[in-house]
Amino acid sequence: MSPVLQQRADLTRVIGRWGEALTAWQAHGSDRDRDSAILRFELAYEVAWKHLQALAREQGFESVGPRQAFENAFRLGWIEDEVVWRDVLTARNQAVHVYREAWAQALAERLPVLQAAFVRLLERLPVVGPCPE
């Protein structure tokens, strides 16, 4: 499996597991489920920007970090809602500071909108095929 194809599979799986964590949190309201959803968001963010970096490179765009990877994805038409993705960047930066209960709760309440943006991103990305032999 090519690295880009593996990244796509990983991203698809991570976004799905994030959705499962959100569903569990919304159904049960436990701190553990909430924290799991936050961690899945962080993981989805990391996998997504690295995948976008690889895809953009194939289109002639270099991305030296997450912000530039998301900006290139917007330029390439893979991201449509600039406001939501700005919130994604802000939320990721805040996620590393969720040691306060109120911050964790506020972040978790934004996660369903952010997860929907990741699902839309996945739908808009170009098809990747197996590595030619």
Protein backbone atom coordinates (compact mmCIF):
# COMPACT_ATOMS: atom_id res chain seq x y z
CA MET A 1 0.00 0.00 0.00
CA SER A 2 1.39 3.42 -0.93
CA PRO A 3 2.06 5.90 1.90
CA VAL A 4 -0.69 8.26 0.65
CA LEU A 5 -3.16 5.40 0.43
CA GLN A 6 -2.21 4.31 3.96
CA GLN A 7 -2.70 7.88 5.19
CA ARG A 8 -6.17 7.96 3.61
CA ALA A 9 -7.10 4.68 5.27
CA ASP A 10 -5.79 5.96 8.61
CA LEU A 11 -7.69 9.25 8.24
CA THR A 12 -10.91 7.47 7.37
CA ARG A 13 -10.55 5.16 10.36
CA VAL A 14 -9.63 7.97 12.78
CA ILE A 15 -12.57 10.14 11.72
CA GLY A 16 -14.90 7.16 12.13
CA ARG A 17 -13.57 6.39 15.61
CA TRP A 18 -13.90 10.07 16.52
CA GLY A 19 -17.56 9.87 15.51
CA GLU A 20 -17.99 6.81 17.74
CA ALA A 21 -16.42 8.66 20.68
CA LEU A 22 -18.70 11.65 20.12
CA THR A 23 -21.75 9.41 19.96
CA ALA A 24 -20.75 7.70 23.22
CA TRP A 25 -20.17 11.06 24.93
CA GLN A 26 -23.49 12.44 23.71
CA ALA A 27 -25.31 9.29 24.86
CA HIS A 28 -23.65 8.88 28.26
CA GLY A 29 -22.08 12.24 29.09
CA SER A 30 -19.10 10.68 30.83
CA ASP A 31 -15.84 12.54 31.21
CA ARG A 32 -14.01 9.52 29.83
CA ASP A 33 -16.05 9.57 26.62
CA ARG A 34 -15.63 13.34 26.33
CA ASP A 35 -11.88 13.08 26.80
CA SER A 36 -11.75 10.27 24.27
CA ALA A 37 -13.55 12.46 21.73
CA ILE A 38 -11.06 15.29 22.37
CA LEU A 39 -8.12 12.95 21.89
CA ARG A 40 -9.66 11.55 18.69
CA PHE A 41 -10.00 15.13 17.43
CA GLU A 42 -6.31 15.75 18.09
CA LEU A 43 -5.39 12.54 16.29
CA ALA A 44 -7.65 13.35 13.32
CA TYR A 45 -6.06 16.79 13.09
CA GLU A 46 -2.54 15.36 12.99
CA VAL A 47 -3.35 12.64 10.44
CA ALA A 48 -5.36 15.08 8.29
CA TRP A 49 -2.73 17.77 7.99
CA LYS A 50 -0.01 15.26 7.14
CA HIS A 51 -2.27 13.67 4.51
CA LEU A 52 -3.12 17.09 3.09
CA GLN A 53 0.59 17.90 3.01
CA ALA A 54 1.27 14.79 0.91
CA LEU A 55 -1.67 15.39 -1.44
CA ALA A 56 -0.81 19.06 -1.91
CA ARG A 57 2.80 18.15 -2.66
CA GLU A 58 1.51 16.01 -5.54
CA GLN A 59 -0.20 19.17 -6.84
CA GLY A 60 2.97 21.27 -6.53
CA PHE A 61 2.22 22.92 -3.17
CA GLU A 62 4.57 22.65 -0.21
CA SER A 63 3.29 22.72 3.36
CA VAL A 64 5.78 23.14 6.18
CA GLY A 65 3.15 22.85 8.92
CA PRO A 66 -0.53 22.31 9.66
CA ARG A 67 -1.70 25.86 8.98
CA GLN A 68 -0.09 25.88 5.54
CA ALA A 69 -1.43 22.39 4.78
CA PHE A 70 -4.98 23.53 5.53
CA GLU A 71 -4.47 26.77 3.55
CA ASN A 72 -3.26 24.76 0.55
CA ALA A 73 -6.27 22.45 0.87
CA PHE A 74 -8.49 25.53 0.74
CA ARG A 75 -6.66 26.79 -2.38
CA LEU A 76 -7.11 23.40 -4.00
CA GLY A 77 -10.85 23.36 -3.23
CA TRP A 78 -10.75 20.50 -0.77
CA ILE A 79 -11.85 22.72 2.13
CA GLU A 80 -14.92 24.85 1.60
CA ASP A 81 -15.72 26.55 4.90
CA GLU A 82 -12.82 28.77 5.89
CA VAL A 83 -14.50 29.82 9.17
CA VAL A 84 -14.93 26.24 10.41
CA TRP A 85 -11.34 25.38 9.53
CA ARG A 86 -10.08 28.45 11.34
CA ASP A 87 -12.01 27.10 14.33
CA VAL A 88 -10.33 23.70 13.77
CA LEU A 89 -6.91 25.35 14.05
CA THR A 90 -7.94 27.29 17.16
CA ALA A 91 -9.51 24.22 18.76
CA ARG A 92 -6.37 22.15 18.18
CA ASN A 93 -4.24 24.83 19.83
CA GLN A 94 -6.66 24.92 22.77
CA ALA A 95 -6.84 21.13 23.02
CA VAL A 96 -3.35 20.95 24.49
CA HIS A 97 -4.61 23.08 27.40
CA VAL A 98 -7.72 21.12 28.38
CA TYR A 99 -6.47 20.46 31.88
CA ARG A 100 -9.27 22.69 33.13
CA GLU A 101 -12.68 21.08 33.25
CA ALA A 102 -14.53 24.09 31.83
CA TRP A 103 -12.14 24.27 28.85
CA ALA A 104 -12.56 20.57 28.13
CA GLN A 105 -16.34 20.90 28.22
CA ALA A 106 -16.35 23.96 25.94
CA LEU A 107 -14.07 22.25 23.44
CA ALA A 108 -16.11 19.06 23.47
CA GLU A 109 -19.29 20.97 22.72
CA ARG A 110 -17.69 22.28 19.49
CA LEU A 111 -16.50 18.85 18.35
CA PRO A 112 -19.62 17.71 16.44
CA VAL A 113 -19.32 20.67 14.04
CA LEU A 114 -15.61 20.09 13.64
CA GLN A 115 -16.06 16.37 13.04
CA ALA A 116 -18.63 17.11 10.33
CA ALA A 117 -16.04 19.35 8.64
CA PHE A 118 -13.53 16.50 8.65
CA VAL A 119 -16.13 14.17 7.12
CA ARG A 120 -16.81 16.75 4.37
CA LEU A 121 -13.07 17.11 3.80
CA LEU A 122 -12.72 13.37 3.36
CA GLU A 123 -15.53 13.42 0.79
CA ARG A 124 -13.88 16.26 -1.17
CA LEU A 125 -10.34 14.91 -1.32
CA PRO A 126 -9.06 13.54 -4.62
CA VAL A 127 -9.18 9.80 -5.10
CA VAL A 128 -5.91 8.08 -4.32
CA GLY A 129 -5.04 4.80 -5.94
CA PRO A 130 -2.58 2.03 -5.27
CA CYS A 131 1.08 2.64 -5.98
CA PRO A 132 1.95 1.49 -9.52
CA GLU A 133 4.29 -1.47 -9.65
